[in-house]
PDB file of N, CA and C in Angstrom:
ATOM      1  N   MET A   1       5.916  45.508 -57.074  1.00  0.00           N
ATOM      2  CA  MET A   1       6.077  46.636 -57.958  1.00  0.00           C
ATOM      3  C   MET A   1       6.138  47.926 -57.163  1.00  0.00           C
ATOM      4  N   HIS A   2       5.511  47.938 -56.003  1.00  0.00           N
ATOM      5  CA  HIS A   2       5.469  49.141 -55.178  1.00  0.00           C
ATOM      6  C   HIS A   2       6.869  49.589 -54.725  1.00  0.00           C
ATOM      7  N   PRO A   3       7.755  48.677 -54.274  1.00  0.00           N
ATOM      8  CA  PRO A   3       9.104  49.119 -53.891  1.00  0.00           C
ATOM      9  C   PRO A   3       9.886  49.728 -55.047  1.00  0.00           C
ATOM     10  N   VAL A   4       9.643  49.262 -56.253  1.00  0.00           N
ATOM     11  CA  VAL A   4      10.339  49.818 -57.414  1.00  0.00           C
ATOM     12  C   VAL A   4       9.910  51.261 -57.630  1.00  0.00           C
ATOM     13  N   LEU A   5       8.621  51.535 -57.450  1.00  0.00           N
ATOM     14  CA  LEU A   5       8.128  52.910 -57.594  1.00  0.00           C
ATOM     15  C   LEU A   5       8.728  53.821 -56.523  1.00  0.00           C
ATOM     16  N   LEU A   6       8.831  53.316 -55.303  1.00  0.00           N
ATOM     17  CA  LEU A   6       9.446  54.112 -54.235  1.00  0.00           C
ATOM     18  C   LEU A   6      10.907  54.409 -54.552  1.00  0.00           C
ATOM     19  N   PHE A   7      11.613  53.409 -55.046  1.00  0.00           N
ATOM     20  CA  PHE A   7      13.016  53.601 -55.401  1.00  0.00           C
ATOM     21  C   PHE A   7      13.159  54.622 -56.518  1.00  0.00           C
ATOM     22  N   ALA A   8      12.333  54.507 -57.546  1.00  0.00           N
ATOM     23  CA  ALA A   8      12.403  55.438 -58.678  1.00  0.00           C
ATOM     24  C   ALA A   8      12.070  56.856 -58.232  1.00  0.00           C
ATOM     25  N   THR A   9      11.079  57.012 -57.368  1.00  0.00           N
ATOM     26  CA  THR A   9      10.718  58.335 -56.858  1.00  0.00           C
ATOM     27  C   THR A   9      11.868  58.936 -56.064  1.00  0.00           C
ATOM     28  N   GLY A  10      12.497  58.145 -55.224  1.00  0.00           N
ATOM     29  CA  GLY A  10      13.642  58.631 -54.451  1.00  0.00           C
ATOM     30  C   GLY A  10      14.811  59.004 -55.334  1.00  0.00           C
ATOM     31  N   LEU A  11      15.036  58.220 -56.367  1.00  0.00           N
ATOM     32  CA  LEU A  11      16.126  58.498 -57.301  1.00  0.00           C
ATOM     33  C   LEU A  11      15.899  59.814 -58.036  1.00  0.00           C
ATOM     34  N   VAL A  12      14.688  60.016 -58.529  1.00  0.00           N
ATOM     35  CA  VAL A  12      14.370  61.259 -59.242  1.00  0.00           C
ATOM     36  C   VAL A  12      14.457  62.450 -58.302  1.00  0.00           C
ATOM     37  N   THR A  13      13.960  62.309 -57.090  1.00  0.00           N
ATOM     38  CA  THR A  13      14.030  63.396 -56.111  1.00  0.00           C
ATOM     39  C   THR A  13      15.479  63.734 -55.785  1.00  0.00           C
ATOM     40  N   GLY A  14      16.318  62.727 -55.638  1.00  0.00           N
ATOM     41  CA  GLY A  14      17.734  62.969 -55.369  1.00  0.00           C
ATOM     42  C   GLY A  14      18.423  63.683 -56.512  1.00  0.00           C
ATOM     43  N   ILE A  15      18.126  63.276 -57.729  1.00  0.00           N
ATOM     44  CA  ILE A  15      18.732  63.927 -58.898  1.00  0.00           C
ATOM     45  C   ILE A  15      18.310  65.384 -58.972  1.00  0.00           C
ATOM     46  N   ILE A  16      17.034  65.647 -58.753  1.00  0.00           N
ATOM     47  CA  ILE A  16      16.540  67.030 -58.784  1.00  0.00           C
ATOM     48  C   ILE A  16      17.189  67.845 -57.675  1.00  0.00           C
ATOM     49  N   GLY A  17      17.334  67.271 -56.490  1.00  0.00           N
ATOM     50  CA  GLY A  17      17.957  67.985 -55.374  1.00  0.00           C
ATOM     51  C   GLY A  17      19.411  68.326 -55.647  1.00  0.00           C
ATOM     52  N   VAL A  18      20.157  67.389 -56.196  1.00  0.00           N
ATOM     53  CA  VAL A  18      21.574  67.638 -56.496  1.00  0.00           C
ATOM     54  C   VAL A  18      21.713  68.701 -57.573  1.00  0.00           C
ATOM     55  N   ARG A  19      20.878  68.639 -58.593  1.00  0.00           N
ATOM     56  CA  ARG A  19      20.935  69.664 -59.648  1.00  0.00           C
ATOM     57  C   ARG A  19      20.576  71.035 -59.094  1.00  0.00           C
ATOM     58  N   ALA A  20      19.599  71.087 -58.197  1.00  0.00           N
ATOM     59  CA  ALA A  20      19.214  72.368 -57.606  1.00  0.00           C
ATOM     60  C   ALA A  20      20.359  72.930 -56.769  1.00  0.00           C
ATOM     61  N   LEU A  21      21.064  72.073 -56.032  1.00  0.00           N
ATOM     62  CA  LEU A  21      22.199  72.541 -55.235  1.00  0.00           C
ATOM     63  C   LEU A  21      23.339  73.027 -56.124  1.00  0.00           C
ATOM     64  N   LYS A  22      23.566  72.349 -57.230  1.00  0.00           N
ATOM     65  CA  LYS A  22      24.648  72.759 -58.130  1.00  0.00           C
ATOM     66  C   LYS A  22      24.363  74.104 -58.772  1.00  0.00           C
ATOM     67  N   HIS A  23      23.108  74.369 -59.090  1.00  0.00           N
ATOM     68  CA  HIS A  23      22.766  75.608 -59.775  1.00  0.00           C
ATOM     69  C   HIS A  23      22.561  76.777 -58.818  1.00  0.00           C
ATOM     70  N   SER A  24      22.429  76.522 -57.536  1.00  0.00           N
ATOM     71  CA  SER A  24      22.296  77.628 -56.583  1.00  0.00           C
ATOM     72  C   SER A  24      23.674  78.236 -56.339  1.00  0.00           C
ATOM     73  N   GLY A  25      23.734  79.398 -55.719  1.00  0.00           N
ATOM     74  CA  GLY A  25      24.997  80.107 -55.521  1.00  0.00           C
ATOM     75  C   GLY A  25      25.965  79.375 -54.620  1.00  0.00           C
ATOM     76  N   LYS A  26      25.504  78.806 -53.554  1.00  0.00           N
ATOM     77  CA  LYS A  26      26.408  78.140 -52.608  1.00  0.00           C
ATOM     78  C   LYS A  26      26.293  76.621 -52.689  1.00  0.00           C
ATOM     79  N   GLY A  27      25.855  76.127 -53.797  1.00  0.00           N
ATOM     80  CA  GLY A  27      25.675  74.687 -53.965  1.00  0.00           C
ATOM     81  C   GLY A  27      26.978  73.919 -53.932  1.00  0.00           C
ATOM     82  N   GLU A  28      28.043  74.517 -54.483  1.00  0.00           N
ATOM     83  CA  GLU A  28      29.336  73.826 -54.523  1.00  0.00           C
ATOM     84  C   GLU A  28      29.880  73.598 -53.114  1.00  0.00           C
ATOM     85  N   GLU A  29      29.782  74.625 -52.251  1.00  0.00           N
ATOM     86  CA  GLU A  29      30.260  74.461 -50.869  1.00  0.00           C
ATOM     87  C   GLU A  29      29.390  73.462 -50.118  1.00  0.00           C
ATOM     88  N   THR A  30      28.090  73.515 -50.386  1.00  0.00           N
ATOM     89  CA  THR A  30      27.185  72.602 -49.705  1.00  0.00           C
ATOM     90  C   THR A  30      27.473  71.159 -50.111  1.00  0.00           C
ATOM     91  N   LEU A  31      27.685  70.946 -51.397  1.00  0.00           N
ATOM     92  CA  LEU A  31      28.007  69.592 -51.852  1.00  0.00           C
ATOM     93  C   LEU A  31      29.347  69.126 -51.306  1.00  0.00           C
ATOM     94  N   SER A  32      30.303  70.034 -51.214  1.00  0.00           N
ATOM     95  CA  SER A  32      31.610  69.681 -50.661  1.00  0.00           C
ATOM     96  C   SER A  32      31.482  69.293 -49.191  1.00  0.00           C
ATOM     97  N   ALA A  33      30.713  70.094 -48.438  1.00  0.00           N
ATOM     98  CA  ALA A  33      30.509  69.789 -47.023  1.00  0.00           C
ATOM     99  C   ALA A  33      29.753  68.473 -46.858  1.00  0.00           C
ATOM    100  N   LEU A  34      28.773  68.262 -47.716  1.00  0.00           N
ATOM    101  CA  LEU A  34      28.007  67.024 -47.658  1.00  0.00           C
ATOM    102  C   LEU A  34      28.898  65.823 -47.976  1.00  0.00           C
ATOM    103  N   GLY A  35      29.775  65.981 -48.961  1.00  0.00           N
ATOM    104  CA  GLY A  35      30.709  64.905 -49.296  1.00  0.00           C
ATOM    105  C   GLY A  35      31.660  64.609 -48.149  1.00  0.00           C
ATOM    106  N   HIS A  36      32.123  65.672 -47.474  1.00  0.00           N
ATOM    107  CA  HIS A  36      33.026  65.488 -46.332  1.00  0.00           C
ATOM    108  C   HIS A  36      32.310  64.751 -45.201  1.00  0.00           C
ATOM    109  N   LYS A  37      31.072  65.149 -44.921  1.00  0.00           N
ATOM    110  CA  LYS A  37      30.306  64.485 -43.864  1.00  0.00           C
ATOM    111  C   LYS A  37      30.059  63.016 -44.213  1.00  0.00           C
ATOM    112  N   THR A  38      29.777  62.775 -45.474  1.00  0.00           N
ATOM    113  CA  THR A  38      29.527  61.401 -45.905  1.00  0.00           C
ATOM    114  C   THR A  38      30.779  60.548 -45.766  1.00  0.00           C
ATOM    115  N   ARG A  39      31.928  61.084 -46.190  1.00  0.00           N
ATOM    116  CA  ARG A  39      33.186  60.333 -46.048  1.00  0.00           C
ATOM    117  C   ARG A  39      33.508  60.070 -44.583  1.00  0.00           C
ATOM    118  N   HIS A  40      33.271  61.072 -43.741  1.00  0.00           N
ATOM    119  CA  HIS A  40      33.541  60.915 -42.314  1.00  0.00           C
ATOM    120  C   HIS A  40      32.639  59.821 -41.726  1.00  0.00           C
ATOM    121  N   GLY A  41      31.365  59.848 -42.093  1.00  0.00           N
ATOM    122  CA  GLY A  41      30.438  58.822 -41.611  1.00  0.00           C
ATOM    123  C   GLY A  41      30.819  57.434 -42.088  1.00  0.00           C
ATOM    124  N   LEU A  42      31.243  57.338 -43.344  1.00  0.00           N
ATOM    125  CA  LEU A  42      31.665  56.037 -43.868  1.00  0.00           C
ATOM    126  C   LEU A  42      32.936  55.546 -43.185  1.00  0.00           C
ATOM    127  N   ASP A  43      33.854  56.454 -42.881  1.00  0.00           N
ATOM    128  CA  ASP A  43      35.071  56.061 -42.168  1.00  0.00           C
ATOM    129  C   ASP A  43      34.737  55.549 -40.772  1.00  0.00           C
ATOM    130  N   GLN A  44      33.796  56.226 -40.098  1.00  0.00           N
ATOM    131  CA  GLN A  44      33.385  55.770 -38.771  1.00  0.00           C
ATOM    132  C   GLN A  44      32.724  54.394 -38.850  1.00  0.00           C
ATOM    133  N   ALA A  45      31.873  54.214 -39.846  1.00  0.00           N
ATOM    134  CA  ALA A  45      31.213  52.919 -40.007  1.00  0.00           C
ATOM    135  C   ALA A  45      32.231  51.826 -40.306  1.00  0.00           C
ATOM    136  N   LYS A  46      33.235  52.151 -41.128  1.00  0.00           N
ATOM    137  CA  LYS A  46      34.267  51.169 -41.471  1.00  0.00           C
ATOM    138  C   LYS A  46      35.066  50.773 -40.237  1.00  0.00           C
ATOM    139  N   SER A  47      35.441  51.749 -39.412  1.00  0.00           N
ATOM    140  CA  SER A  47      36.217  51.413 -38.218  1.00  0.00           C
ATOM    141  C   SER A  47      35.363  50.642 -37.214  1.00  0.00           C
ATOM    142  N   GLY A  48      34.084  50.996 -37.102  1.00  0.00           N
ATOM    143  CA  GLY A  48      33.195  50.249 -36.218  1.00  0.00           C
ATOM    144  C   GLY A  48      33.012  48.818 -36.679  1.00  0.00           C
ATOM    145  N   LEU A  49      32.877  48.637 -37.980  1.00  0.00           N
ATOM    146  CA  LEU A  49      32.736  47.294 -38.532  1.00  0.00           C
ATOM    147  C   LEU A  49      34.009  46.489 -38.335  1.00  0.00           C
ATOM    148  N   ARG A  50      35.155  47.139 -38.492  1.00  0.00           N
ATOM    149  CA  ARG A  50      36.432  46.458 -38.282  1.00  0.00           C
ATOM    150  C   ARG A  50      36.561  46.016 -36.824  1.00  0.00           C
ATOM    151  N   ASP A  51      36.200  46.898 -35.882  1.00  0.00           N
ATOM    152  CA  ASP A  51      36.278  46.540 -34.465  1.00  0.00           C
ATOM    153  C   ASP A  51      35.346  45.375 -34.134  1.00  0.00           C
ATOM    154  N   ALA A  52      34.137  45.421 -34.684  1.00  0.00           N
ATOM    155  CA  ALA A  52      33.190  44.335 -34.437  1.00  0.00           C
ATOM    156  C   ALA A  52      33.700  43.021 -35.014  1.00  0.00           C
ATOM    157  N   THR A  53      34.312  43.081 -36.175  1.00  0.00           N
ATOM    158  CA  THR A  53      34.849  41.875 -36.801  1.00  0.00           C
ATOM    159  C   THR A  53      35.986  41.293 -35.980  1.00  0.00           C
ATOM    160  N   VAL A  54      36.870  42.150 -35.506  1.00  0.00           N
ATOM    161  CA  VAL A  54      38.002  41.678 -34.704  1.00  0.00           C
ATOM    162  C   VAL A  54      37.512  41.037 -33.418  1.00  0.00           C
ATOM    163  N   SER A  55      36.552  41.671 -32.743  1.00  0.00           N
ATOM    164  CA  SER A  55      36.069  41.108 -31.486  1.00  0.00           C
ATOM    165  C   SER A  55      35.321  39.794 -31.718  1.00  0.00           C
ATOM    166  N   SER A  56      34.550  39.708 -32.804  1.00  0.00           N
ATOM    167  CA  SER A  56      33.842  38.453 -33.061  1.00  0.00           C
ATOM    168  C   SER A  56      34.812  37.342 -33.445  1.00  0.00           C
ATOM    169  N   LEU A  57      35.861  37.669 -34.203  1.00  0.00           N
ATOM    170  CA  LEU A  57      36.855  36.648 -34.538  1.00  0.00           C
ATOM    171  C   LEU A  57      37.607  36.179 -33.295  1.00  0.00           C
ATOM    172  N   ALA A  58      37.871  37.098 -32.368  1.00  0.00           N
ATOM    173  CA  ALA A  58      38.527  36.705 -31.121  1.00  0.00           C
ATOM    174  C   ALA A  58      37.619  35.781 -30.312  1.00  0.00           C
ATOM    175  N   ALA A  59      36.319  36.077 -30.294  1.00  0.00           N
ATOM    176  CA  ALA A  59      35.381  35.221 -29.572  1.00  0.00           C
ATOM    177  C   ALA A  59      35.296  33.840 -30.219  1.00  0.00           C
ATOM    178  N   ILE A  60      35.294  33.797 -31.543  1.00  0.00           N
ATOM    179  CA  ILE A  60      35.255  32.510 -32.247  1.00  0.00           C
ATOM    180  C   ILE A  60      36.524  31.715 -31.968  1.00  0.00           C
ATOM    181  N   GLU A  61      37.663  32.392 -31.963  1.00  0.00           N
ATOM    182  CA  GLU A  61      38.933  31.713 -31.689  1.00  0.00           C
ATOM    183  C   GLU A  61      38.942  31.121 -30.281  1.00  0.00           C
ATOM    184  N   LYS A  62      38.454  31.891 -29.314  1.00  0.00           N
ATOM    185  CA  LYS A  62      38.422  31.415 -27.932  1.00  0.00           C
ATOM    186  C   LYS A  62      37.464  30.237 -27.800  1.00  0.00           C
ATOM    187  N   SER A  63      36.308  30.346 -28.428  1.00  0.00           N
ATOM    188  CA  SER A  63      35.318  29.276 -28.361  1.00  0.00           C
ATOM    189  C   SER A  63      35.839  28.000 -29.012  1.00  0.00           C
ATOM    190  N   SER A  64      36.487  28.137 -30.162  1.00  0.00           N
ATOM    191  CA  SER A  64      37.004  26.937 -30.830  1.00  0.00           C
ATOM    192  C   SER A  64      38.141  26.313 -30.031  1.00  0.00           C
ATOM    193  N   ALA A  65      38.939  27.127 -29.360  1.00  0.00           N
ATOM    194  CA  ALA A  65      40.003  26.567 -28.519  1.00  0.00           C
ATOM    195  C   ALA A  65      39.402  25.789 -27.352  1.00  0.00           C
ATOM    196  N   ASN A  66      38.334  26.323 -26.757  1.00  0.00           N
ATOM    197  CA  ASN A  66      37.675  25.609 -25.661  1.00  0.00           C
ATOM    198  C   ASN A  66      37.071  24.296 -26.149  1.00  0.00           C
ATOM    199  N   LEU A  67      36.413  24.331 -27.299  1.00  0.00           N
ATOM    200  CA  LEU A  67      35.820  23.108 -27.836  1.00  0.00           C
ATOM    201  C   LEU A  67      36.887  22.100 -28.237  1.00  0.00           C
ATOM    202  N   ARG A  68      37.982  22.564 -28.785  1.00  0.00           N
ATOM    203  CA  ARG A  68      39.074  21.668 -29.161  1.00  0.00           C
ATOM    204  C   ARG A  68      39.615  20.975 -27.916  1.00  0.00           C
ATOM    205  N   GLY A  69      39.718  21.718 -26.813  1.00  0.00           N
ATOM    206  CA  GLY A  69      40.194  21.128 -25.568  1.00  0.00           C
ATOM    207  C   GLY A  69      39.243  20.075 -25.030  1.00  0.00           C
ATOM    208  N   LYS A  70      37.938  20.305 -25.214  1.00  0.00           N
ATOM    209  CA  LYS A  70      36.952  19.338 -24.731  1.00  0.00           C
ATOM    210  C   LYS A  70      36.889  18.099 -25.622  1.00  0.00           C
ATOM    211  N   LEU A  71      37.071  18.278 -26.911  1.00  0.00           N
ATOM    212  CA  LEU A  71      36.922  17.164 -27.839  1.00  0.00           C
ATOM    213  C   LEU A  71      38.185  16.330 -28.000  1.00  0.00           C
ATOM    214  N   ALA A  72      39.334  16.896 -27.742  1.00  0.00           N
ATOM    215  CA  ALA A  72      40.591  16.162 -27.905  1.00  0.00           C
ATOM    216  C   ALA A  72      40.697  15.118 -26.800  1.00  0.00           C
ATOM    217  N   PRO A  73      41.046  13.881 -27.160  1.00  0.00           N
ATOM    218  CA  PRO A  73      41.185  12.852 -26.121  1.00  0.00           C
ATOM    219  C   PRO A  73      42.382  13.183 -25.230  1.00  0.00           C
ATOM    220  N   ALA A  74      42.246  12.793 -23.988  1.00  0.00           N
ATOM    221  CA  ALA A  74      43.343  13.031 -23.051  1.00  0.00           C
ATOM    222  C   ALA A  74      44.536  12.184 -23.473  1.00  0.00           C
ATOM    223  N   ALA A  75      45.709  12.747 -23.349  1.00  0.00           N
ATOM    224  CA  ALA A  75      46.928  12.026 -23.729  1.00  0.00           C
ATOM    225  C   ALA A  75      47.118  10.857 -22.767  1.00  0.00           C
ATOM    226  N   PRO A  76      47.376   9.648 -23.298  1.00  0.00           N
ATOM    227  CA  PRO A  76      47.575   8.497 -22.399  1.00  0.00           C
ATOM    228  C   PRO A  76      48.840   8.695 -21.566  1.00  0.00           C
ATOM    229  N   ALA A  77      48.786   8.182 -20.359  1.00  0.00           N
ATOM    230  CA  ALA A  77      49.937   8.310 -19.469  1.00  0.00           C
ATOM    231  C   ALA A  77      51.094   7.493 -20.044  1.00  0.00           C
ATOM    232  N   ALA A  78      52.253   8.068 -20.003  1.00  0.00           N
ATOM    233  CA  ALA A  78      53.431   7.386 -20.549  1.00  0.00           C
ATOM    234  C   ALA A  78      53.778   6.201 -19.652  1.00  0.00           C
ATOM    235  N   ALA A  79      54.076   5.068 -20.283  1.00  0.00           N
ATOM    236  CA  ALA A  79      54.462   3.876 -19.525  1.00  0.00           C
ATOM    237  C   ALA A  79      55.831   4.112 -18.914  1.00  0.00           C
ATOM    238  N   GLU A  80      56.011   3.549 -17.726  1.00  0.00           N
ATOM    239  CA  GLU A  80      57.296   3.741 -17.062  1.00  0.00           C
ATOM    240  C   GLU A  80      58.368   2.963 -17.824  1.00  0.00           C
ATOM    241  N   PRO A  81      59.515   3.571 -18.031  1.00  0.00           N
ATOM    242  CA  PRO A  81      60.580   2.856 -18.748  1.00  0.00           C
ATOM    243  C   PRO A  81      61.125   1.721 -17.880  1.00  0.00           C
ATOM    244  N   PRO A  82      61.522   0.623 -18.501  1.00  0.00           N
ATOM    245  CA  PRO A  82      62.070  -0.507 -17.717  1.00  0.00           C
ATOM    246  C   PRO A  82      63.403  -0.109 -17.086  1.00  0.00           C
ATOM    247  N   GLU A  83      63.670  -0.776 -15.988  1.00  0.00           N
ATOM    248  CA  GLU A  83      64.935  -0.482 -15.315  1.00  0.00           C
ATOM    249  C   GLU A  83      66.087  -1.008 -16.161  1.00  0.00           C
ATOM    250  N   SER A  84      67.178  -0.295 -16.169  1.00  0.00           N
ATOM    251  CA  SER A  84      68.296  -0.674 -17.028  1.00  0.00           C
ATOM    252  C   SER A  84      69.082  -1.876 -16.482  1.00  0.00           C
ATOM    253  N   GLY A  85      68.983  -2.187 -15.208  1.00  0.00           N
ATOM    254  CA  GLY A  85      69.758  -3.266 -14.618  1.00  0.00           C
ATOM    255  C   GLY A  85      69.165  -4.644 -14.833  1.00  0.00           C
ATOM    256  N   THR A  86      67.906  -4.764 -15.151  1.00  0.00           N
ATOM    257  CA  THR A  86      67.288  -6.087 -15.296  1.00  0.00           C
ATOM    258  C   THR A  86      67.218  -6.478 -16.756  1.00  0.00           C
ATOM    259  N   ALA A  87      67.450  -7.735 -17.017  1.00  0.00           N
ATOM    260  CA  ALA A  87      67.365  -8.252 -18.381  1.00  0.00           C
ATOM    261  C   ALA A  87      66.123  -9.106 -18.493  1.00  0.00           C
ATOM    262  N   PRO A  88      65.468  -9.129 -19.573  1.00  0.00           N
ATOM    263  CA  PRO A  88      64.252  -9.964 -19.697  1.00  0.00           C
ATOM    264  C   PRO A  88      64.533 -11.406 -19.873  1.00  0.00           C
TER     265      PRO A  88
END
């Protein structure tokens, strides 16, 4: 129950803070700047997550290729073709 109280307290504090910024004289610019910073941070996080995903997928691909090479049986040597001049 304690985490729910912490969440509710944070939610109420956030609502009060946003309302106070809106009603102050420069609240609109502050909220706009805050929104811009938030979008920029989210874009950075998205690109970082994308880079991490690409690198991990490349590592998985390389690892699976190595394991496939180890697990695949070696191709049997091709039998020599019979000579064309001899008949059985």
